[in-house]
Amino acid sequence: MDEKVRILLCEDDENLGMLLREYLQAKGYVAELYPDGEAGYKAFLKNKYDLCVFDVMMPKKDGFTLAQEVRAANAEIPIIFLTAKTLKEDILEGFKIGADDYITKPFSMEELTFRIEAILRRVRGKKNKESSVYKIGKFTFDTQKQILSTPEKQTKLTTKESELLSLLCAHANEILQRDFALKTIWIDDNYFNARSMDVYITKLRKHLKEDDSIEIINIHGKGYKLIIPEAE
């Protein structure tokens, strides 16, 4: 990261909070930790952050209230909720407020960073139109319009097809790790989502079959690789 991403972290469990801060800093982020929603909001007003991670159950001001106030001040900043609550109503409430993601405890540190990276990619994707068009052999892929085209025809891709092809293009001629793709697009790498991704890989192969120089190959136990001719 050229310019370090600043994360506002609000967690009232002191041990978990310090663990999260240290882990995120080790991953190259600048993470500032606050023990309650009130302190977190004061910090938010004073400083500039790129992303927020809020525990839901906090003293003085809970995560939902904090998120609403943050959203009122900055409608664009991504927010991830951390919570022990698994009730569907609470999760829906979080998304209604404008959460970008919702992680239930216990969770792995790796899962949190996967989700942070996925959100930051989406945010940067919206801001950076230069990387929105890929050349894939005889095809042109417009990620914003979700259109795969040749001089002869255009194919409108579904959102999932477009997201998966975008990841493959970003890792062209390299291995796209299966777990990474699942957590980025499907959020969860369970069996059903893994089967779903296999179906979408098959669909993408059909879309790309007109160009023999392009191939999506399985890398056993690891993931997929989009093989395209190297630019001369």
Foldseek 3Di string as FASTA:
>chain_A
DVDAAEEEEEDQPVVVQVVLCVVVVVVRHHYDYDNALVVSLVVPVVDDGQAYEAEQDGPPAGPLRSLLVSCVVPVPRAYEYEYQDDDPVVVVSCVVSPHPYYHHPPDDSVLVVLAVVLVVCVVVCVVDLVLQWDDFAQWIAGLVQCWIDHPVDIDRDDNLLSLLVSQQRVQAPHFDFLCSSCCNRVVDPDPVSSVVVVVSQVVVCVVPVVDPQWDWDADPPTHIHIYGDDDD
